[in-house]
């Protein structure tokens, strides 16, 4: 599902924005919660297109139901004793009535890499990465087209970041979903996203390929947008030392380039 806002009224301005399907997209900037409300279809119902067609009033809520939001922390949304009970309660709340409730729960857990035994666990006995997997599994129960995650890699160590990265990429590639990562960490956004949307001073400052965007260092610094550490290192080496090295996502690629050219 591709969503487009054309001349969408926002405060005293308008917004033009497209959320492409089957992509991992980064969302960053100031007052990002305002743009997030627009993407989650919580505001104006006009000037929105779905897959190139104008969104009709009768289709607004069915379209909205295809967008899921995963908050940074899960504990605020937990009310049931076990994960299975929580998942069943979630389905009831969202009017989801599968023929086999337990199978639906098991399948959602399997997609995010968790075993059936987690159904009998309490969320408070789970690790930070397991909690994040459970959050994602909950949202998968309603089979959304777009999954928005708030700081999904926060407080995770490197192995667990890799685990969540694999989950998100599997959901994108195998199940053809769009993933939106909301973060103020440019290092995370460079590593984890394909496209980047920067929202600054109530307007879309940039929307393009993530690496291409972060290579526009002078432009980003002018607008006080933080750039990833590895990008800033290469930028300074090029500017101050005239180093003939390329921008890279991975420090290993950068080291190889340094040995080759410096």
C-alpha atoms as a PDB file:
ATOM      1  CA  UNK A   1       0.000   0.000   0.000  1.00  0.00           C
ATOM      2  CA  UNK A   2       1.451   3.332  -1.104  1.00  0.00           C
ATOM      3  CA  UNK A   3       0.152   6.439   0.655  1.00  0.00           C
ATOM      4  CA  UNK A   4       0.489   9.931  -0.804  1.00  0.00           C
ATOM      5  CA  UNK A   5      -0.445  13.288   0.698  1.00  0.00           C
ATOM      6  CA  UNK A   6      -0.769  16.011  -1.983  1.00  0.00           C
ATOM      7  CA  UNK A   7      -0.958  19.603  -0.807  1.00  0.00           C
ATOM      8  CA  UNK A   8      -2.152  18.214   2.509  1.00  0.00           C
ATOM      9  CA  UNK A   9      -3.219  21.108   4.803  1.00  0.00           C
ATOM     10  CA  UNK A  10      -0.982  21.376   7.859  1.00  0.00           C
ATOM     11  CA  UNK A  11      -1.011  24.447  10.112  1.00  0.00           C
ATOM     12  CA  UNK A  12      -0.510  27.396   7.735  1.00  0.00           C
ATOM     13  CA  UNK A  13       1.343  25.243   5.172  1.00  0.00           C
ATOM     14  CA  UNK A  14       0.838  22.173   3.016  1.00  0.00           C
ATOM     15  CA  UNK A  15       2.689  18.861   2.995  1.00  0.00           C
ATOM     16  CA  UNK A  16       3.614  16.666   0.036  1.00  0.00           C
ATOM     17  CA  UNK A  17       4.666  13.208   1.112  1.00  0.00           C
ATOM     18  CA  UNK A  18       4.720   9.669  -0.250  1.00  0.00           C
ATOM     19  CA  UNK A  19       5.159   6.491   1.783  1.00  0.00           C
ATOM     20  CA  UNK A  20       6.316   3.933  -0.764  1.00  0.00           C
ATOM     21  CA  UNK A  21       5.307   0.309  -0.374  1.00  0.00           C
ATOM     22  CA  UNK A  22       7.675  -2.554   0.502  1.00  0.00           C
ATOM     23  CA  UNK A  23      10.401  -0.234   1.817  1.00  0.00           C
ATOM     24  CA  UNK A  24      12.151   0.357   5.139  1.00  0.00           C
ATOM     25  CA  UNK A  25      11.780   4.095   5.656  1.00  0.00           C
ATOM     26  CA  UNK A  26      13.350   6.299   8.314  1.00  0.00           C
ATOM     27  CA  UNK A  27      11.483   9.207   9.876  1.00  0.00           C
ATOM     28  CA  UNK A  28      13.358  11.891  11.811  1.00  0.00           C
ATOM     29  CA  UNK A  29      13.391  15.593  12.688  1.00  0.00           C
ATOM     30  CA  UNK A  30      11.756  17.944  15.160  1.00  0.00           C
ATOM     31  CA  UNK A  31       8.047  17.814  16.095  1.00  0.00           C
ATOM     32  CA  UNK A  32       8.065  14.396  14.451  1.00  0.00           C
ATOM     33  CA  UNK A  33       4.984  13.441  16.460  1.00  0.00           C
ATOM     34  CA  UNK A  34       2.946  15.819  14.271  1.00  0.00           C
ATOM     35  CA  UNK A  35       4.037  14.091  11.058  1.00  0.00           C
ATOM     36  CA  UNK A  36       3.487  10.747  12.737  1.00  0.00           C
ATOM     37  CA  UNK A  37      -0.142  11.664  13.434  1.00  0.00           C
ATOM     38  CA  UNK A  38      -0.599  12.416   9.733  1.00  0.00           C
ATOM     39  CA  UNK A  39       0.968   9.097   8.675  1.00  0.00           C
ATOM     40  CA  UNK A  40      -1.181   7.186  11.159  1.00  0.00           C
ATOM     41  CA  UNK A  41      -4.232   8.873   9.569  1.00  0.00           C
ATOM     42  CA  UNK A  42      -5.291  10.644  12.747  1.00  0.00           C
ATOM     43  CA  UNK A  43      -5.910  14.034  11.135  1.00  0.00           C
ATOM     44  CA  UNK A  44      -7.517  15.482   8.043  1.00  0.00           C
ATOM     45  CA  UNK A  45      -9.161  12.927   5.750  1.00  0.00           C
ATOM     46  CA  UNK A  46      -8.642  14.922   2.533  1.00  0.00           C
ATOM     47  CA  UNK A  47      -5.828  15.191  -0.018  1.00  0.00           C
ATOM     48  CA  UNK A  48      -4.762  11.562   0.522  1.00  0.00           C
ATOM     49  CA  UNK A  49      -4.187   8.953  -2.170  1.00  0.00           C
ATOM     50  CA  UNK A  50      -3.916   5.174  -1.744  1.00  0.00           C
ATOM     51  CA  UNK A  51      -2.065   3.393  -4.545  1.00  0.00           C
ATOM     52  CA  UNK A  52      -2.576   6.424  -6.782  1.00  0.00           C
ATOM     53  CA  UNK A  53      -6.333   6.788  -6.150  1.00  0.00           C
ATOM     54  CA  UNK A  54      -8.021   9.403  -3.985  1.00  0.00           C
ATOM     55  CA  UNK A  55      -8.997   8.059  -0.576  1.00  0.00           C
ATOM     56  CA  UNK A  56     -12.787   8.024  -0.287  1.00  0.00           C
ATOM     57  CA  UNK A  57     -14.610   8.726   2.965  1.00  0.00           C
ATOM     58  CA  UNK A  58     -15.988   5.167   3.119  1.00  0.00           C
ATOM     59  CA  UNK A  59     -12.474   3.716   2.767  1.00  0.00           C
ATOM     60  CA  UNK A  60     -10.799   5.908   5.387  1.00  0.00           C
ATOM     61  CA  UNK A  61     -11.152   3.646   8.435  1.00  0.00           C
ATOM     62  CA  UNK A  62     -10.427   0.386   6.550  1.00  0.00           C
ATOM     63  CA  UNK A  63      -7.242   2.044   5.269  1.00  0.00           C
ATOM     64  CA  UNK A  64      -6.360   3.348   8.727  1.00  0.00           C
ATOM     65  CA  UNK A  65      -6.690  -0.186  10.126  1.00  0.00           C
ATOM     66  CA  UNK A  66      -3.915  -1.316   7.773  1.00  0.00           C
ATOM     67  CA  UNK A  67      -1.397   0.890   9.585  1.00  0.00           C
ATOM     68  CA  UNK A  68       0.049  -0.366  12.886  1.00  0.00           C
ATOM     69  CA  UNK A  69       2.101   1.537  15.443  1.00  0.00           C
ATOM     70  CA  UNK A  70       4.675  -0.097  17.745  1.00  0.00           C
ATOM     71  CA  UNK A  71       5.547   2.289  20.626  1.00  0.00           C
ATOM     72  CA  UNK A  72       9.002   2.362  22.141  1.00  0.00           C
ATOM     73  CA  UNK A  73       7.885   0.599  25.314  1.00  0.00           C
ATOM     74  CA  UNK A  74       5.393  -2.252  25.647  1.00  0.00           C
ATOM     75  CA  UNK A  75       4.664  -2.209  29.380  1.00  0.00           C
ATOM     76  CA  UNK A  76       2.160   0.655  29.147  1.00  0.00           C
ATOM     77  CA  UNK A  77      -0.073  -1.473  26.927  1.00  0.00           C
ATOM     78  CA  UNK A  78       0.067  -4.731  28.906  1.00  0.00           C
ATOM     79  CA  UNK A  79      -3.013  -5.657  30.935  1.00  0.00           C
ATOM     80  CA  UNK A  80      -3.176  -9.460  30.753  1.00  0.00           C
ATOM     81  CA  UNK A  81      -1.264 -12.094  32.708  1.00  0.00           C
ATOM     82  CA  UNK A  82       0.233 -14.056  29.805  1.00  0.00           C
ATOM     83  CA  UNK A  83       1.328 -13.170  26.294  1.00  0.00           C
ATOM     84  CA  UNK A  84      -1.378 -15.440  24.851  1.00  0.00           C
ATOM     85  CA  UNK A  85      -4.058 -13.645  26.868  1.00  0.00           C
ATOM     86  CA  UNK A  86      -2.668 -10.309  25.729  1.00  0.00           C
ATOM     87  CA  UNK A  87      -2.753 -11.393  22.092  1.00  0.00           C
ATOM     88  CA  UNK A  88      -6.331 -12.667  22.385  1.00  0.00           C
ATOM     89  CA  UNK A  89      -7.397  -9.432  24.051  1.00  0.00           C
ATOM     90  CA  UNK A  90      -5.697  -7.479  21.242  1.00  0.00           C
ATOM     91  CA  UNK A  91      -7.643  -9.432  18.612  1.00  0.00           C
ATOM     92  CA  UNK A  92     -10.957  -8.871  20.382  1.00  0.00           C
ATOM     93  CA  UNK A  93     -10.228  -5.157  20.660  1.00  0.00           C
ATOM     94  CA  UNK A  94      -9.513  -4.991  16.926  1.00  0.00           C
ATOM     95  CA  UNK A  95     -12.457  -7.197  15.899  1.00  0.00           C
ATOM     96  CA  UNK A  96     -10.239 -10.027  14.693  1.00  0.00           C
ATOM     97  CA  UNK A  97     -11.932 -13.416  14.987  1.00  0.00           C
ATOM     98  CA  UNK A  98      -9.853 -16.217  13.454  1.00  0.00           C
ATOM     99  CA  UNK A  99     -11.112 -19.807  13.424  1.00  0.00           C
ATOM    100  CA  UNK A 100      -8.221 -20.904  15.622  1.00  0.00           C
ATOM    101  CA  UNK A 101      -7.088 -18.283  18.140  1.00  0.00           C
ATOM    102  CA  UNK A 102      -4.075 -20.217  19.390  1.00  0.00           C
ATOM    103  CA  UNK A 103      -2.794 -20.945  15.887  1.00  0.00           C
ATOM    104  CA  UNK A 104      -3.090 -17.263  15.001  1.00  0.00           C
ATOM    105  CA  UNK A 105      -0.999 -16.378  18.058  1.00  0.00           C
ATOM    106  CA  UNK A 106       1.578 -19.093  17.322  1.00  0.00           C
ATOM    107  CA  UNK A 107       1.919 -17.977  13.706  1.00  0.00           C
ATOM    108  CA  UNK A 108       2.523 -14.350  14.713  1.00  0.00           C
ATOM    109  CA  UNK A 109       5.207 -15.392  17.184  1.00  0.00           C
ATOM    110  CA  UNK A 110       6.830 -17.651  14.593  1.00  0.00           C
ATOM    111  CA  UNK A 111       7.154 -14.773  12.126  1.00  0.00           C
ATOM    112  CA  UNK A 112       9.162 -12.741  14.651  1.00  0.00           C
ATOM    113  CA  UNK A 113      11.304 -15.724  15.645  1.00  0.00           C
ATOM    114  CA  UNK A 114       9.720 -16.740  18.953  1.00  0.00           C
ATOM    115  CA  UNK A 115       8.629 -20.233  19.974  1.00  0.00           C
ATOM    116  CA  UNK A 116       5.131 -21.307  21.022  1.00  0.00           C
ATOM    117  CA  UNK A 117       6.293 -21.562  24.657  1.00  0.00           C
ATOM    118  CA  UNK A 118       6.258 -17.750  24.850  1.00  0.00           C
ATOM    119  CA  UNK A 119       2.463 -17.841  24.861  1.00  0.00           C
ATOM    120  CA  UNK A 120       2.570 -18.939  28.509  1.00  0.00           C
ATOM    121  CA  UNK A 121       5.152 -16.356  29.507  1.00  0.00           C
ATOM    122  CA  UNK A 122       4.527 -13.052  31.235  1.00  0.00           C
ATOM    123  CA  UNK A 123       5.926 -10.047  29.378  1.00  0.00           C
ATOM    124  CA  UNK A 124       7.939  -8.994  32.434  1.00  0.00           C
ATOM    125  CA  UNK A 125      10.004 -12.186  32.260  1.00  0.00           C
ATOM    126  CA  UNK A 126      11.185 -11.379  28.731  1.00  0.00           C
ATOM    127  CA  UNK A 127      14.363  -9.629  27.606  1.00  0.00           C
ATOM    128  CA  UNK A 128      14.285  -6.233  25.846  1.00  0.00           C
ATOM    129  CA  UNK A 129      14.627  -7.807  22.401  1.00  0.00           C
ATOM    130  CA  UNK A 130      11.940 -10.432  23.180  1.00  0.00           C
ATOM    131  CA  UNK A 131       9.582  -7.655  24.278  1.00  0.00           C
ATOM    132  CA  UNK A 132      10.183  -5.890  20.968  1.00  0.00           C
ATOM    133  CA  UNK A 133       9.503  -9.126  19.065  1.00  0.00           C
ATOM    134  CA  UNK A 134       6.256  -9.573  21.014  1.00  0.00           C
ATOM    135  CA  UNK A 135       5.215  -5.994  20.258  1.00  0.00           C
ATOM    136  CA  UNK A 136       5.706  -6.636  16.550  1.00  0.00           C
ATOM    137  CA  UNK A 137       3.880  -9.986  16.782  1.00  0.00           C
ATOM    138  CA  UNK A 138       0.885  -8.241  18.362  1.00  0.00           C
ATOM    139  CA  UNK A 139       0.631  -5.835  15.441  1.00  0.00           C
ATOM    140  CA  UNK A 140       1.024  -8.633  12.903  1.00  0.00           C
ATOM    141  CA  UNK A 141      -2.199 -10.160  14.218  1.00  0.00           C
ATOM    142  CA  UNK A 142      -4.206  -7.658  12.185  1.00  0.00           C
ATOM    143  CA  UNK A 143      -2.074  -8.149   9.053  1.00  0.00           C
ATOM    144  CA  UNK A 144      -1.166  -4.485   8.486  1.00  0.00           C
ATOM    145  CA  UNK A 145       0.314  -3.098   5.280  1.00  0.00           C
ATOM    146  CA  UNK A 146       2.447  -0.499   7.088  1.00  0.00           C
ATOM    147  CA  UNK A 147       4.183  -0.984  10.450  1.00  0.00           C
ATOM    148  CA  UNK A 148       5.503   2.132  12.211  1.00  0.00           C
ATOM    149  CA  UNK A 149       8.044   1.537  14.985  1.00  0.00           C
ATOM    150  CA  UNK A 150       9.214   4.113  17.513  1.00  0.00           C
ATOM    151  CA  UNK A 151      12.946   3.748  18.334  1.00  0.00           C
ATOM    152  CA  UNK A 152      12.890  -0.070  17.913  1.00  0.00           C
ATOM    153  CA  UNK A 153      16.647  -0.453  18.521  1.00  0.00           C
ATOM    154  CA  UNK A 154      16.863   1.686  21.652  1.00  0.00           C
ATOM    155  CA  UNK A 155      18.629   0.028  24.642  1.00  0.00           C
ATOM    156  CA  UNK A 156      19.467  -3.088  22.602  1.00  0.00           C
ATOM    157  CA  UNK A 157      23.015  -4.426  22.372  1.00  0.00           C
ATOM    158  CA  UNK A 158      24.598  -5.331  19.013  1.00  0.00           C
ATOM    159  CA  UNK A 159      23.457  -9.005  18.863  1.00  0.00           C
ATOM    160  CA  UNK A 160      19.878  -8.083  19.748  1.00  0.00           C
ATOM    161  CA  UNK A 161      19.848  -5.179  17.291  1.00  0.00           C
ATOM    162  CA  UNK A 162      20.830  -7.706  14.638  1.00  0.00           C
ATOM    163  CA  UNK A 163      17.964  -9.973  15.749  1.00  0.00           C
ATOM    164  CA  UNK A 164      15.363  -7.191  15.401  1.00  0.00           C
ATOM    165  CA  UNK A 165      16.923  -6.076  12.103  1.00  0.00           C
ATOM    166  CA  UNK A 166      16.451  -9.595  10.710  1.00  0.00           C
ATOM    167  CA  UNK A 167      12.826  -9.658  11.897  1.00  0.00           C
ATOM    168  CA  UNK A 168      12.016  -6.347  10.203  1.00  0.00           C
ATOM    169  CA  UNK A 169      13.751  -7.260   6.962  1.00  0.00           C
ATOM    170  CA  UNK A 170      11.964 -10.594   6.870  1.00  0.00           C
ATOM    171  CA  UNK A 171       8.605  -8.885   7.320  1.00  0.00           C
ATOM    172  CA  UNK A 172       9.475  -6.449   4.531  1.00  0.00           C
ATOM    173  CA  UNK A 173      10.895  -8.984   2.082  1.00  0.00           C
ATOM    174  CA  UNK A 174       8.862 -12.132   2.730  1.00  0.00           C
ATOM    175  CA  UNK A 175       5.531 -10.563   3.649  1.00  0.00           C
ATOM    176  CA  UNK A 176       5.934  -7.429   1.492  1.00  0.00           C
ATOM    177  CA  UNK A 177       5.182  -4.906   4.238  1.00  0.00           C
ATOM    178  CA  UNK A 178       6.314  -1.314   4.547  1.00  0.00           C
ATOM    179  CA  UNK A 179       8.377  -0.588   7.664  1.00  0.00           C
ATOM    180  CA  UNK A 180       8.737   2.934   9.066  1.00  0.00           C
ATOM    181  CA  UNK A 181      11.393   3.494  11.729  1.00  0.00           C
ATOM    182  CA  UNK A 182      10.937   6.668  13.791  1.00  0.00           C
ATOM    183  CA  UNK A 183      14.254   7.671  15.352  1.00  0.00           C
ATOM    184  CA  UNK A 184      16.469  10.624  16.245  1.00  0.00           C
ATOM    185  CA  UNK A 185      19.579   8.459  15.987  1.00  0.00           C
ATOM    186  CA  UNK A 186      21.251   9.078  12.587  1.00  0.00           C
ATOM    187  CA  UNK A 187      23.567   6.080  13.034  1.00  0.00           C
ATOM    188  CA  UNK A 188      20.536   3.801  13.366  1.00  0.00           C
ATOM    189  CA  UNK A 189      18.773   5.362  10.402  1.00  0.00           C
ATOM    190  CA  UNK A 190      21.816   5.019   8.146  1.00  0.00           C
ATOM    191  CA  UNK A 191      22.229   1.340   9.009  1.00  0.00           C
ATOM    192  CA  UNK A 192      18.604   0.250   9.064  1.00  0.00           C
ATOM    193  CA  UNK A 193      16.681   2.230   6.431  1.00  0.00           C
ATOM    194  CA  UNK A 194      16.521   2.484   2.642  1.00  0.00           C
ATOM    195  CA  UNK A 195      14.818   5.851   2.431  1.00  0.00           C
ATOM    196  CA  UNK A 196      14.814   8.832   4.772  1.00  0.00           C
ATOM    197  CA  UNK A 197      12.202  11.489   5.514  1.00  0.00           C
ATOM    198  CA  UNK A 198      13.365  14.542   7.473  1.00  0.00           C
ATOM    199  CA  UNK A 199      10.661  16.740   9.015  1.00  0.00           C
ATOM    200  CA  UNK A 200      11.970  20.132  10.116  1.00  0.00           C
ATOM    201  CA  UNK A 201      10.148  23.319  11.086  1.00  0.00           C
ATOM    202  CA  UNK A 202       6.765  21.945  10.021  1.00  0.00           C
ATOM    203  CA  UNK A 203       7.823  20.908   6.523  1.00  0.00           C
ATOM    204  CA  UNK A 204       9.390  17.975   4.693  1.00  0.00           C
ATOM    205  CA  UNK A 205      13.033  19.030   4.458  1.00  0.00           C
ATOM    206  CA  UNK A 206      14.128  15.933   2.532  1.00  0.00           C
ATOM    207  CA  UNK A 207      12.775  12.628   1.272  1.00  0.00           C
ATOM    208  CA  UNK A 208      15.222  10.425  -0.612  1.00  0.00           C
ATOM    209  CA  UNK A 209      17.541   7.419  -0.490  1.00  0.00           C
ATOM    210  CA  UNK A 210      19.076   7.352   3.001  1.00  0.00           C
ATOM    211  CA  UNK A 211      22.732   7.237   1.924  1.00  0.00           C
ATOM    212  CA  UNK A 212      22.205   9.917  -0.732  1.00  0.00           C
ATOM    213  CA  UNK A 213      20.510  12.132   1.842  1.00  0.00           C
ATOM    214  CA  UNK A 214      23.234  11.782   4.460  1.00  0.00           C
ATOM    215  CA  UNK A 215      25.937  12.535   1.880  1.00  0.00           C
ATOM    216  CA  UNK A 216      24.471  16.047   1.570  1.00  0.00           C
ATOM    217  CA  UNK A 217      26.416  17.001   4.676  1.00  0.00           C
ATOM    218  CA  UNK A 218      26.672  20.754   4.055  1.00  0.00           C
ATOM    219  CA  UNK A 219      22.917  20.960   3.479  1.00  0.00           C
ATOM    220  CA  UNK A 220      22.144  18.945   6.622  1.00  0.00           C
ATOM    221  CA  UNK A 221      24.559  20.915   8.802  1.00  0.00           C
ATOM    222  CA  UNK A 222      23.071  24.157   7.518  1.00  0.00           C
ATOM    223  CA  UNK A 223      19.675  22.968   8.761  1.00  0.00           C
ATOM    224  CA  UNK A 224      21.161  21.605  12.012  1.00  0.00           C
ATOM    225  CA  UNK A 225      20.408  17.987  11.171  1.00  0.00           C
ATOM    226  CA  UNK A 226      22.758  15.518  12.854  1.00  0.00           C
ATOM    227  CA  UNK A 227      24.658  13.219  10.484  1.00  0.00           C
ATOM    228  CA  UNK A 228      25.923   9.684  11.237  1.00  0.00           C
ATOM    229  CA  UNK A 229      29.384   9.403  12.794  1.00  0.00           C
ATOM    230  CA  UNK A 230      30.861   7.483   9.860  1.00  0.00           C
ATOM    231  CA  UNK A 231      29.526  10.050   7.376  1.00  0.00           C
ATOM    232  CA  UNK A 232      30.902  12.941   9.434  1.00  0.00           C
ATOM    233  CA  UNK A 233      34.322  11.253   9.650  1.00  0.00           C
ATOM    234  CA  UNK A 234      34.542  10.861   5.864  1.00  0.00           C
ATOM    235  CA  UNK A 235      33.236  14.393   5.322  1.00  0.00           C
ATOM    236  CA  UNK A 236      35.961  15.888   7.538  1.00  0.00           C
ATOM    237  CA  UNK A 237      38.644  13.695   5.951  1.00  0.00           C
ATOM    238  CA  UNK A 238      37.587  14.857   2.496  1.00  0.00           C
ATOM    239  CA  UNK A 239      37.298  18.502   3.511  1.00  0.00           C
ATOM    240  CA  UNK A 240      40.375  18.903   5.701  1.00  0.00           C
ATOM    241  CA  UNK A 241      42.749  16.225   4.404  1.00  0.00           C
ATOM    242  CA  UNK A 242      41.559  16.007   0.776  1.00  0.00           C
ATOM    243  CA  UNK A 243      41.250  12.247   1.311  1.00  0.00           C
ATOM    244  CA  UNK A 244      40.030  10.287  -1.708  1.00  0.00           C
ATOM    245  CA  UNK A 245      37.675   7.974   0.134  1.00  0.00           C
ATOM    246  CA  UNK A 246      34.014   7.204  -0.422  1.00  0.00           C
ATOM    247  CA  UNK A 247      31.126   7.448   1.999  1.00  0.00           C
ATOM    248  CA  UNK A 248      30.215   4.091   3.536  1.00  0.00           C
ATOM    249  CA  UNK A 249      27.614   2.550   5.844  1.00  0.00           C
ATOM    250  CA  UNK A 250      29.923  -0.075   7.279  1.00  0.00           C
ATOM    251  CA  UNK A 251      33.157   0.731   9.112  1.00  0.00           C
ATOM    252  CA  UNK A 252      34.769  -2.329   7.509  1.00  0.00           C
ATOM    253  CA  UNK A 253      34.157  -0.918   4.037  1.00  0.00           C
ATOM    254  CA  UNK A 254      35.587   2.412   5.149  1.00  0.00           C
ATOM    255  CA  UNK A 255      38.746   0.789   6.525  1.00  0.00           C
ATOM    256  CA  UNK A 256      39.276  -1.060   3.232  1.00  0.00           C
ATOM    257  CA  UNK A 257      38.905   2.199   1.325  1.00  0.00           C
ATOM    258  CA  UNK A 258      41.356   3.963   3.631  1.00  0.00           C
ATOM    259  CA  UNK A 259      43.988   1.241   3.117  1.00  0.00           C
ATOM    260  CA  UNK A 260      43.417   1.475  -0.626  1.00  0.00           C
ATOM    261  CA  UNK A 261      43.549   5.239  -1.090  1.00  0.00           C
ATOM    262  CA  UNK A 262      45.258   6.824   1.912  1.00  0.00           C
END
